[in-house]
């Protein structure tokens, strides 16, 4: 009886050890039993510091880990496993390789979403009918940004210098500076010429100011009620005088058109002429 119990204990210990060993191996391979995880892929131009099982975070919260990393001709593609089935990430989403502290530390991948979540529907990111036009879904391919380091900064600086040498940026900058100096000199000449023209136009401006003052005085005088009344009376008298002159002209025209009156005036004139000739005879007679 004791031997059977002992054999059973040994058997159970062996089975437990096998199960524990299998669990550890699955954990080391990143396989979690019963976990409802989903995965995406990210392409990196440079995967410096990135490795399998690197933590994946979203807004500082651990949401998954990096799986397999494949080197391809166009980029380095990393599989990102996300353990949260209800993690809604509005598109577009990028994967950025960062350090977990300002002083260095382990490398991790931060998921950054720049979109806006319109609404949560019944579908999950890991479902087959996930709307990948709105949220990040299973098996989506996103862009990855490499870790910023001294080597990457040096490479980028070399690329900028090489591009500058190819396109003669320095020479263009020198030419632009010379052109700016030339433009500044022309602008100074223009300012001097403008000052001369303003000085030449100063007398005209003074006369215009005086004329404007006179016009203001005239307008102020006209705006006086007494002056306006005098102007109205003068205009009324002028109209009355014009009417009288017109009436006199009409009467004179009527007299000139009267033939009997004109004949009588002619006869009187002739008679007066004869009378004065008889009263004052000429010396020749």
C-alpha atoms as a PDB file:
ATOM      1  CA  UNK A   1       0.000   0.000   0.000  1.00  0.00           C
ATOM      2  CA  UNK A   2       2.772   2.369   0.881  1.00  0.00           C
ATOM      3  CA  UNK A   3       4.552   1.523  -2.363  1.00  0.00           C
ATOM      4  CA  UNK A   4       1.443   2.401  -4.432  1.00  0.00           C
ATOM      5  CA  UNK A   5       1.097   5.776  -2.761  1.00  0.00           C
ATOM      6  CA  UNK A   6       4.768   6.452  -3.279  1.00  0.00           C
ATOM      7  CA  UNK A   7       4.547   5.496  -6.962  1.00  0.00           C
ATOM      8  CA  UNK A   8       1.506   7.728  -7.381  1.00  0.00           C
ATOM      9  CA  UNK A   9       3.294  10.669  -5.797  1.00  0.00           C
ATOM     10  CA  UNK A  10       6.309  10.132  -8.053  1.00  0.00           C
ATOM     11  CA  UNK A  11       4.072   9.922 -11.132  1.00  0.00           C
ATOM     12  CA  UNK A  12       2.194  13.070 -10.230  1.00  0.00           C
ATOM     13  CA  UNK A  13       5.473  14.895  -9.605  1.00  0.00           C
ATOM     14  CA  UNK A  14       6.750  13.872 -13.032  1.00  0.00           C
ATOM     15  CA  UNK A  15       3.510  14.981 -14.715  1.00  0.00           C
ATOM     16  CA  UNK A  16       3.557  18.293 -12.819  1.00  0.00           C
ATOM     17  CA  UNK A  17       7.160  18.869 -13.806  1.00  0.00           C
ATOM     18  CA  UNK A  18       6.322  18.180 -17.445  1.00  0.00           C
ATOM     19  CA  UNK A  19       3.381  20.589 -17.324  1.00  0.00           C
ATOM     20  CA  UNK A  20       5.470  23.264 -15.639  1.00  0.00           C
ATOM     21  CA  UNK A  21       8.267  22.816 -18.155  1.00  0.00           C
ATOM     22  CA  UNK A  22       5.790  23.052 -21.032  1.00  0.00           C
ATOM     23  CA  UNK A  23       4.249  26.199 -19.552  1.00  0.00           C
ATOM     24  CA  UNK A  24       7.649  27.816 -19.168  1.00  0.00           C
ATOM     25  CA  UNK A  25       8.549  26.974 -22.772  1.00  0.00           C
ATOM     26  CA  UNK A  26       5.261  28.405 -24.026  1.00  0.00           C
ATOM     27  CA  UNK A  27       5.831  31.534 -21.949  1.00  0.00           C
ATOM     28  CA  UNK A  28       9.343  31.925 -23.332  1.00  0.00           C
ATOM     29  CA  UNK A  29       7.966  31.613 -26.866  1.00  0.00           C
ATOM     30  CA  UNK A  30       5.334  34.228 -26.134  1.00  0.00           C
ATOM     31  CA  UNK A  31       2.419  31.794 -26.300  1.00  0.00           C
ATOM     32  CA  UNK A  32      -0.272  32.441 -23.727  1.00  0.00           C
ATOM     33  CA  UNK A  33      -2.933  29.806 -23.334  1.00  0.00           C
ATOM     34  CA  UNK A  34      -6.450  31.148 -23.176  1.00  0.00           C
ATOM     35  CA  UNK A  35      -5.349  34.661 -24.180  1.00  0.00           C
ATOM     36  CA  UNK A  36      -7.588  36.383 -26.777  1.00  0.00           C
ATOM     37  CA  UNK A  37      -4.773  38.300 -28.490  1.00  0.00           C
ATOM     38  CA  UNK A  38      -4.457  39.710 -31.996  1.00  0.00           C
ATOM     39  CA  UNK A  39      -1.483  40.888 -33.967  1.00  0.00           C
ATOM     40  CA  UNK A  40      -0.446  43.543 -36.484  1.00  0.00           C
ATOM     41  CA  UNK A  41       2.699  44.189 -38.495  1.00  0.00           C
ATOM     42  CA  UNK A  42       4.955  47.244 -38.630  1.00  0.00           C
ATOM     43  CA  UNK A  43       7.663  48.149 -41.139  1.00  0.00           C
ATOM     44  CA  UNK A  44      10.801  49.869 -39.841  1.00  0.00           C
ATOM     45  CA  UNK A  45      13.547  51.421 -41.937  1.00  0.00           C
ATOM     46  CA  UNK A  46      15.947  50.748 -39.055  1.00  0.00           C
ATOM     47  CA  UNK A  47      15.277  48.307 -36.217  1.00  0.00           C
ATOM     48  CA  UNK A  48      18.214  49.259 -34.002  1.00  0.00           C
ATOM     49  CA  UNK A  49      17.604  48.120 -30.417  1.00  0.00           C
ATOM     50  CA  UNK A  50      14.414  46.263 -31.301  1.00  0.00           C
ATOM     51  CA  UNK A  51      14.189  42.595 -30.326  1.00  0.00           C
ATOM     52  CA  UNK A  52      11.632  39.885 -29.830  1.00  0.00           C
ATOM     53  CA  UNK A  53       9.550  40.110 -26.639  1.00  0.00           C
ATOM     54  CA  UNK A  54      10.159  43.862 -26.418  1.00  0.00           C
ATOM     55  CA  UNK A  55       7.202  45.430 -24.604  1.00  0.00           C
ATOM     56  CA  UNK A  56       4.526  47.260 -26.592  1.00  0.00           C
ATOM     57  CA  UNK A  57       2.741  50.167 -24.902  1.00  0.00           C
ATOM     58  CA  UNK A  58      -0.093  52.544 -25.656  1.00  0.00           C
ATOM     59  CA  UNK A  59      -0.124  55.802 -23.709  1.00  0.00           C
ATOM     60  CA  UNK A  60       2.319  54.284 -21.251  1.00  0.00           C
ATOM     61  CA  UNK A  61       0.239  51.152 -20.580  1.00  0.00           C
ATOM     62  CA  UNK A  62       1.599  47.709 -21.467  1.00  0.00           C
ATOM     63  CA  UNK A  63      -0.684  46.195 -24.117  1.00  0.00           C
ATOM     64  CA  UNK A  64       1.490  43.524 -25.766  1.00  0.00           C
ATOM     65  CA  UNK A  65       4.910  42.552 -27.006  1.00  0.00           C
ATOM     66  CA  UNK A  66       6.991  42.238 -30.157  1.00  0.00           C
ATOM     67  CA  UNK A  67       6.866  38.849 -31.874  1.00  0.00           C
ATOM     68  CA  UNK A  68       8.891  37.700 -34.854  1.00  0.00           C
ATOM     69  CA  UNK A  69      11.186  40.154 -36.647  1.00  0.00           C
ATOM     70  CA  UNK A  70      11.842  39.599 -40.354  1.00  0.00           C
ATOM     71  CA  UNK A  71      14.409  41.363 -42.507  1.00  0.00           C
ATOM     72  CA  UNK A  72      12.978  42.187 -45.932  1.00  0.00           C
ATOM     73  CA  UNK A  73      14.490  44.028 -48.906  1.00  0.00           C
ATOM     74  CA  UNK A  74      12.267  47.074 -48.438  1.00  0.00           C
ATOM     75  CA  UNK A  75      12.154  47.207 -44.608  1.00  0.00           C
ATOM     76  CA  UNK A  76      12.416  45.325 -41.328  1.00  0.00           C
ATOM     77  CA  UNK A  77       8.989  43.912 -40.513  1.00  0.00           C
ATOM     78  CA  UNK A  78       8.059  43.207 -36.918  1.00  0.00           C
ATOM     79  CA  UNK A  79       4.999  41.353 -35.709  1.00  0.00           C
ATOM     80  CA  UNK A  80       3.307  43.099 -32.794  1.00  0.00           C
ATOM     81  CA  UNK A  81       1.102  40.995 -30.526  1.00  0.00           C
ATOM     82  CA  UNK A  82      -1.611  42.839 -28.612  1.00  0.00           C
ATOM     83  CA  UNK A  83      -3.108  41.083 -25.588  1.00  0.00           C
ATOM     84  CA  UNK A  84      -6.085  43.405 -25.081  1.00  0.00           C
ATOM     85  CA  UNK A  85      -8.959  42.298 -27.335  1.00  0.00           C
ATOM     86  CA  UNK A  86     -10.939  45.522 -26.808  1.00  0.00           C
ATOM     87  CA  UNK A  87      -8.124  47.978 -27.543  1.00  0.00           C
ATOM     88  CA  UNK A  88      -9.594  50.439 -30.048  1.00  0.00           C
ATOM     89  CA  UNK A  89      -6.897  52.500 -31.818  1.00  0.00           C
ATOM     90  CA  UNK A  90      -8.295  55.108 -34.248  1.00  0.00           C
ATOM     91  CA  UNK A  91      -6.371  55.177 -37.512  1.00  0.00           C
ATOM     92  CA  UNK A  92      -3.827  56.299 -38.550  1.00  0.00           C
ATOM     93  CA  UNK A  93      -1.516  54.511 -36.101  1.00  0.00           C
ATOM     94  CA  UNK A  94       2.298  54.379 -36.076  1.00  0.00           C
ATOM     95  CA  UNK A  95       4.717  52.226 -34.055  1.00  0.00           C
ATOM     96  CA  UNK A  96       7.630  54.216 -32.625  1.00  0.00           C
ATOM     97  CA  UNK A  97      10.696  52.607 -31.040  1.00  0.00           C
ATOM     98  CA  UNK A  98      11.520  54.484 -27.816  1.00  0.00           C
ATOM     99  CA  UNK A  99      13.433  54.113 -24.571  1.00  0.00           C
ATOM    100  CA  UNK A 100      11.363  53.567 -21.442  1.00  0.00           C
ATOM    101  CA  UNK A 101      13.122  56.457 -19.650  1.00  0.00           C
ATOM    102  CA  UNK A 102      14.944  59.666 -20.474  1.00  0.00           C
ATOM    103  CA  UNK A 103      18.232  58.245 -19.162  1.00  0.00           C
ATOM    104  CA  UNK A 104      18.078  55.177 -21.352  1.00  0.00           C
ATOM    105  CA  UNK A 105      16.811  51.786 -20.334  1.00  0.00           C
ATOM    106  CA  UNK A 106      15.138  49.024 -22.284  1.00  0.00           C
ATOM    107  CA  UNK A 107      13.768  49.553 -25.750  1.00  0.00           C
ATOM    108  CA  UNK A 108      10.035  49.320 -26.246  1.00  0.00           C
ATOM    109  CA  UNK A 109       7.496  50.019 -28.995  1.00  0.00           C
ATOM    110  CA  UNK A 110       4.946  52.758 -28.403  1.00  0.00           C
ATOM    111  CA  UNK A 111       1.732  52.730 -30.433  1.00  0.00           C
ATOM    112  CA  UNK A 112       0.701  56.287 -31.308  1.00  0.00           C
ATOM    113  CA  UNK A 113      -2.765  57.048 -32.672  1.00  0.00           C
ATOM    114  CA  UNK A 114      -3.437  60.443 -34.268  1.00  0.00           C
ATOM    115  CA  UNK A 115      -7.025  59.719 -35.272  1.00  0.00           C
ATOM    116  CA  UNK A 116     -10.313  60.332 -33.497  1.00  0.00           C
ATOM    117  CA  UNK A 117     -12.609  57.541 -32.369  1.00  0.00           C
ATOM    118  CA  UNK A 118     -16.049  58.233 -33.840  1.00  0.00           C
ATOM    119  CA  UNK A 119     -17.823  55.526 -31.868  1.00  0.00           C
ATOM    120  CA  UNK A 120     -17.406  52.016 -30.499  1.00  0.00           C
ATOM    121  CA  UNK A 121     -19.386  49.381 -32.382  1.00  0.00           C
ATOM    122  CA  UNK A 122     -20.014  45.729 -31.666  1.00  0.00           C
ATOM    123  CA  UNK A 123     -16.980  44.532 -33.624  1.00  0.00           C
ATOM    124  CA  UNK A 124     -13.585  44.025 -31.977  1.00  0.00           C
ATOM    125  CA  UNK A 125     -10.170  44.691 -33.537  1.00  0.00           C
ATOM    126  CA  UNK A 126      -9.573  40.953 -33.761  1.00  0.00           C
ATOM    127  CA  UNK A 127     -12.853  40.161 -35.550  1.00  0.00           C
ATOM    128  CA  UNK A 128     -13.005  39.309 -39.220  1.00  0.00           C
ATOM    129  CA  UNK A 129     -15.497  42.110 -39.983  1.00  0.00           C
ATOM    130  CA  UNK A 130     -13.456  44.813 -38.228  1.00  0.00           C
ATOM    131  CA  UNK A 131     -13.690  48.286 -39.821  1.00  0.00           C
ATOM    132  CA  UNK A 132     -10.022  48.966 -40.575  1.00  0.00           C
ATOM    133  CA  UNK A 133     -10.946  52.310 -42.145  1.00  0.00           C
ATOM    134  CA  UNK A 134     -11.751  53.612 -38.647  1.00  0.00           C
ATOM    135  CA  UNK A 135      -9.727  51.543 -36.177  1.00  0.00           C
ATOM    136  CA  UNK A 136      -6.607  49.369 -36.210  1.00  0.00           C
ATOM    137  CA  UNK A 137      -7.599  45.773 -36.972  1.00  0.00           C
ATOM    138  CA  UNK A 138      -5.938  42.379 -36.917  1.00  0.00           C
ATOM    139  CA  UNK A 139      -3.177  41.799 -39.533  1.00  0.00           C
ATOM    140  CA  UNK A 140      -3.036  45.503 -40.487  1.00  0.00           C
ATOM    141  CA  UNK A 141       0.311  46.881 -41.683  1.00  0.00           C
ATOM    142  CA  UNK A 142       1.396  50.172 -40.102  1.00  0.00           C
ATOM    143  CA  UNK A 143       4.432  52.427 -40.382  1.00  0.00           C
ATOM    144  CA  UNK A 144       7.241  52.132 -37.863  1.00  0.00           C
ATOM    145  CA  UNK A 145       9.580  54.894 -36.736  1.00  0.00           C
ATOM    146  CA  UNK A 146      13.084  53.833 -35.639  1.00  0.00           C
ATOM    147  CA  UNK A 147      14.785  54.752 -32.414  1.00  0.00           C
ATOM    148  CA  UNK A 148      16.470  58.155 -32.455  1.00  0.00           C
ATOM    149  CA  UNK A 149      20.112  57.727 -31.514  1.00  0.00           C
ATOM    150  CA  UNK A 150      23.494  59.283 -32.162  1.00  0.00           C
ATOM    151  CA  UNK A 151      24.084  56.984 -35.114  1.00  0.00           C
ATOM    152  CA  UNK A 152      20.758  57.835 -36.744  1.00  0.00           C
ATOM    153  CA  UNK A 153      21.339  61.546 -36.183  1.00  0.00           C
ATOM    154  CA  UNK A 154      24.808  61.238 -37.718  1.00  0.00           C
ATOM    155  CA  UNK A 155      23.397  59.362 -40.704  1.00  0.00           C
ATOM    156  CA  UNK A 156      20.672  61.954 -41.196  1.00  0.00           C
ATOM    157  CA  UNK A 157      23.227  64.771 -40.928  1.00  0.00           C
ATOM    158  CA  UNK A 158      25.433  63.103 -43.516  1.00  0.00           C
ATOM    159  CA  UNK A 159      22.428  62.729 -45.811  1.00  0.00           C
ATOM    160  CA  UNK A 160      21.584  66.411 -45.438  1.00  0.00           C
ATOM    161  CA  UNK A 161      25.188  67.460 -46.105  1.00  0.00           C
ATOM    162  CA  UNK A 162      25.352  65.190 -49.151  1.00  0.00           C
ATOM    163  CA  UNK A 163      22.115  66.598 -50.466  1.00  0.00           C
ATOM    164  CA  UNK A 164      23.341  70.132 -49.840  1.00  0.00           C
ATOM    165  CA  UNK A 165      26.539  69.473 -51.790  1.00  0.00           C
ATOM    166  CA  UNK A 166      24.592  67.974 -54.677  1.00  0.00           C
ATOM    167  CA  UNK A 167      22.194  70.873 -55.006  1.00  0.00           C
ATOM    168  CA  UNK A 168      24.752  73.644 -54.283  1.00  0.00           C
ATOM    169  CA  UNK A 169      22.718  74.919 -51.366  1.00  0.00           C
ATOM    170  CA  UNK A 170      25.686  76.829 -49.935  1.00  0.00           C
ATOM    171  CA  UNK A 171      26.282  78.641 -53.218  1.00  0.00           C
ATOM    172  CA  UNK A 172      22.587  79.401 -53.494  1.00  0.00           C
ATOM    173  CA  UNK A 173      22.679  80.777 -49.972  1.00  0.00           C
ATOM    174  CA  UNK A 174      25.639  83.009 -50.858  1.00  0.00           C
ATOM    175  CA  UNK A 175      23.858  84.220 -54.009  1.00  0.00           C
ATOM    176  CA  UNK A 176      20.722  84.909 -52.002  1.00  0.00           C
ATOM    177  CA  UNK A 177      22.757  86.916 -49.481  1.00  0.00           C
ATOM    178  CA  UNK A 178      24.334  88.981 -52.259  1.00  0.00           C
ATOM    179  CA  UNK A 179      20.951  89.579 -53.810  1.00  0.00           C
ATOM    180  CA  UNK A 180      19.624  90.643 -50.433  1.00  0.00           C
ATOM    181  CA  UNK A 181      22.487  93.160 -50.040  1.00  0.00           C
ATOM    182  CA  UNK A 182      21.793  94.523 -53.519  1.00  0.00           C
ATOM    183  CA  UNK A 183      18.095  94.837 -52.783  1.00  0.00           C
ATOM    184  CA  UNK A 184      18.880  96.602 -49.512  1.00  0.00           C
ATOM    185  CA  UNK A 185      21.064  99.158 -51.311  1.00  0.00           C
ATOM    186  CA  UNK A 186      18.355  99.757 -53.909  1.00  0.00           C
ATOM    187  CA  UNK A 187      15.845 100.184 -51.121  1.00  0.00           C
ATOM    188  CA  UNK A 188      18.053 102.763 -49.416  1.00  0.00           C
ATOM    189  CA  UNK A 189      18.355 104.694 -52.696  1.00  0.00           C
ATOM    190  CA  UNK A 190      14.590 104.562 -53.097  1.00  0.00           C
ATOM    191  CA  UNK A 191      14.103 105.887 -49.570  1.00  0.00           C
ATOM    192  CA  UNK A 192      16.506 108.798 -50.222  1.00  0.00           C
ATOM    193  CA  UNK A 193      14.739 109.636 -53.510  1.00  0.00           C
ATOM    194  CA  UNK A 194      11.386 109.493 -51.752  1.00  0.00           C
ATOM    195  CA  UNK A 195      12.601 111.929 -49.093  1.00  0.00           C
ATOM    196  CA  UNK A 196      13.732 114.346 -51.861  1.00  0.00           C
ATOM    197  CA  UNK A 197      10.363 114.129 -53.604  1.00  0.00           C
ATOM    198  CA  UNK A 198       8.540 114.725 -50.329  1.00  0.00           C
ATOM    199  CA  UNK A 199      10.727 117.776 -49.645  1.00  0.00           C
ATOM    200  CA  UNK A 200      10.064 119.077 -53.172  1.00  0.00           C
ATOM    201  CA  UNK A 201       6.336 118.606 -52.740  1.00  0.00           C
ATOM    202  CA  UNK A 202       6.294 120.369 -49.353  1.00  0.00           C
ATOM    203  CA  UNK A 203       5.372 123.860 -50.802  1.00  0.00           C
ATOM    204  CA  UNK A 204       2.492 122.327 -52.749  1.00  0.00           C
ATOM    205  CA  UNK A 205       1.335 120.561 -49.631  1.00  0.00           C
ATOM    206  CA  UNK A 206       1.506 123.894 -47.745  1.00  0.00           C
ATOM    207  CA  UNK A 207      -0.542 125.690 -50.435  1.00  0.00           C
ATOM    208  CA  UNK A 208      -3.072 122.895 -50.413  1.00  0.00           C
ATOM    209  CA  UNK A 209      -3.316 123.216 -46.646  1.00  0.00           C
ATOM    210  CA  UNK A 210      -3.901 126.994 -46.933  1.00  0.00           C
ATOM    211  CA  UNK A 211      -6.480 126.502 -49.703  1.00  0.00           C
ATOM    212  CA  UNK A 212      -8.171 123.900 -47.574  1.00  0.00           C
ATOM    213  CA  UNK A 213      -8.276 126.379 -44.683  1.00  0.00           C
ATOM    214  CA  UNK A 214      -9.864 129.045 -46.955  1.00  0.00           C
ATOM    215  CA  UNK A 215     -12.406 126.565 -48.219  1.00  0.00           C
ATOM    216  CA  UNK A 216     -13.212 125.636 -44.648  1.00  0.00           C
ATOM    217  CA  UNK A 217     -13.693 129.323 -43.804  1.00  0.00           C
ATOM    218  CA  UNK A 218     -15.985 129.803 -46.811  1.00  0.00           C
ATOM    219  CA  UNK A 219     -17.964 126.732 -45.921  1.00  0.00           C
ATOM    220  CA  UNK A 220     -18.192 127.894 -42.326  1.00  0.00           C
ATOM    221  CA  UNK A 221     -19.477 131.322 -43.494  1.00  0.00           C
ATOM    222  CA  UNK A 222     -22.005 129.704 -45.822  1.00  0.00           C
ATOM    223  CA  UNK A 223     -23.122 127.471 -43.011  1.00  0.00           C
ATOM    224  CA  UNK A 224     -24.095 130.635 -41.015  1.00  0.00           C
ATOM    225  CA  UNK A 225     -27.934 131.047 -41.003  1.00  0.00           C
ATOM    226  CA  UNK A 226     -27.717 134.852 -41.557  1.00  0.00           C
ATOM    227  CA  UNK A 227     -25.396 134.392 -44.530  1.00  0.00           C
ATOM    228  CA  UNK A 228     -27.696 131.794 -46.028  1.00  0.00           C
ATOM    229  CA  UNK A 229     -30.660 134.150 -45.552  1.00  0.00           C
ATOM    230  CA  UNK A 230     -28.771 136.998 -47.295  1.00  0.00           C
ATOM    231  CA  UNK A 231     -27.882 134.711 -50.186  1.00  0.00           C
ATOM    232  CA  UNK A 232     -31.520 133.654 -50.518  1.00  0.00           C
ATOM    233  CA  UNK A 233     -32.721 137.306 -50.512  1.00  0.00           C
ATOM    234  CA  UNK A 234     -30.086 138.290 -53.095  1.00  0.00           C
ATOM    235  CA  UNK A 235     -31.096 135.411 -55.331  1.00  0.00           C
ATOM    236  CA  UNK A 236     -34.785 136.371 -54.952  1.00  0.00           C
ATOM    237  CA  UNK A 237     -34.052 140.044 -55.808  1.00  0.00           C
ATOM    238  CA  UNK A 238     -32.001 138.941 -58.806  1.00  0.00           C
ATOM    239  CA  UNK A 239     -34.913 136.834 -60.047  1.00  0.00           C
ATOM    240  CA  UNK A 240     -37.332 139.772 -59.594  1.00  0.00           C
ATOM    241  CA  UNK A 241     -34.986 142.155 -61.460  1.00  0.00           C
ATOM    242  CA  UNK A 242     -34.593 139.646 -64.262  1.00  0.00           C
ATOM    243  CA  UNK A 243     -38.375 139.377 -64.576  1.00  0.00           C
ATOM    244  CA  UNK A 244     -38.726 143.175 -64.734  1.00  0.00           C
ATOM    245  CA  UNK A 245     -36.008 143.469 -67.385  1.00  0.00           C
ATOM    246  CA  UNK A 246     -37.700 140.756 -69.389  1.00  0.00           C
ATOM    247  CA  UNK A 247     -41.031 142.622 -69.088  1.00  0.00           C
ATOM    248  CA  UNK A 248     -39.460 145.921 -70.231  1.00  0.00           C
ATOM    249  CA  UNK A 249     -37.844 144.214 -73.171  1.00  0.00           C
ATOM    250  CA  UNK A 250     -41.172 142.734 -74.149  1.00  0.00           C
ATOM    251  CA  UNK A 251     -42.879 146.149 -73.960  1.00  0.00           C
ATOM    252  CA  UNK A 252     -40.110 147.805 -76.022  1.00  0.00           C
ATOM    253  CA  UNK A 253     -40.430 145.087 -78.637  1.00  0.00           C
ATOM    254  CA  UNK A 254     -44.167 145.718 -78.758  1.00  0.00           C
ATOM    255  CA  UNK A 255     -43.589 149.478 -79.234  1.00  0.00           C
ATOM    256  CA  UNK A 256     -41.067 148.831 -81.978  1.00  0.00           C
ATOM    257  CA  UNK A 257     -43.489 146.555 -83.727  1.00  0.00           C
ATOM    258  CA  UNK A 258     -46.254 149.290 -83.737  1.00  0.00           C
ATOM    259  CA  UNK A 259     -46.046 150.865 -87.245  1.00  0.00           C
ATOM    260  CA  UNK A 260     -48.304 153.845 -86.460  1.00  0.00           C
ATOM    261  CA  UNK A 261     -46.232 154.801 -83.465  1.00  0.00           C
ATOM    262  CA  UNK A 262     -43.011 154.485 -85.427  1.00  0.00           C
ATOM    263  CA  UNK A 263     -44.418 156.635 -88.278  1.00  0.00           C
ATOM    264  CA  UNK A 264     -45.579 159.245 -85.762  1.00  0.00           C
ATOM    265  CA  UNK A 265     -42.156 159.310 -84.109  1.00  0.00           C
ATOM    266  CA  UNK A 266     -40.533 159.606 -87.521  1.00  0.00           C
ATOM    267  CA  UNK A 267     -42.830 162.555 -88.470  1.00  0.00           C
ATOM    268  CA  UNK A 268     -42.185 164.297 -85.168  1.00  0.00           C
ATOM    269  CA  UNK A 269     -38.454 163.858 -85.639  1.00  0.00           C
ATOM    270  CA  UNK A 270     -38.589 165.312 -89.175  1.00  0.00           C
ATOM    271  CA  UNK A 271     -40.763 168.233 -88.041  1.00  0.00           C
ATOM    272  CA  UNK A 272     -38.400 169.015 -85.155  1.00  0.00           C
ATOM    273  CA  UNK A 273     -35.502 168.968 -87.584  1.00  0.00           C
ATOM    274  CA  UNK A 274     -37.210 171.472 -89.897  1.00  0.00           C
ATOM    275  CA  UNK A 275     -38.178 173.630 -86.940  1.00  0.00           C
ATOM    276  CA  UNK A 276     -34.631 173.806 -85.644  1.00  0.00           C
ATOM    277  CA  UNK A 277     -33.360 174.584 -89.189  1.00  0.00           C
ATOM    278  CA  UNK A 278     -35.748 177.552 -89.451  1.00  0.00           C
ATOM    279  CA  UNK A 279     -34.955 178.815 -85.953  1.00  0.00           C
ATOM    280  CA  UNK A 280     -31.258 178.362 -86.298  1.00  0.00           C
ATOM    281  CA  UNK A 281     -30.478 178.762 -89.975  1.00  0.00           C
ATOM    282  CA  UNK A 282     -27.072 177.624 -91.068  1.00  0.00           C
ATOM    283  CA  UNK A 283     -24.371 180.227 -91.757  1.00  0.00           C
ATOM    284  CA  UNK A 284     -23.972 179.107 -95.323  1.00  0.00           C
ATOM    285  CA  UNK A 285     -27.386 180.620 -96.064  1.00  0.00           C
END
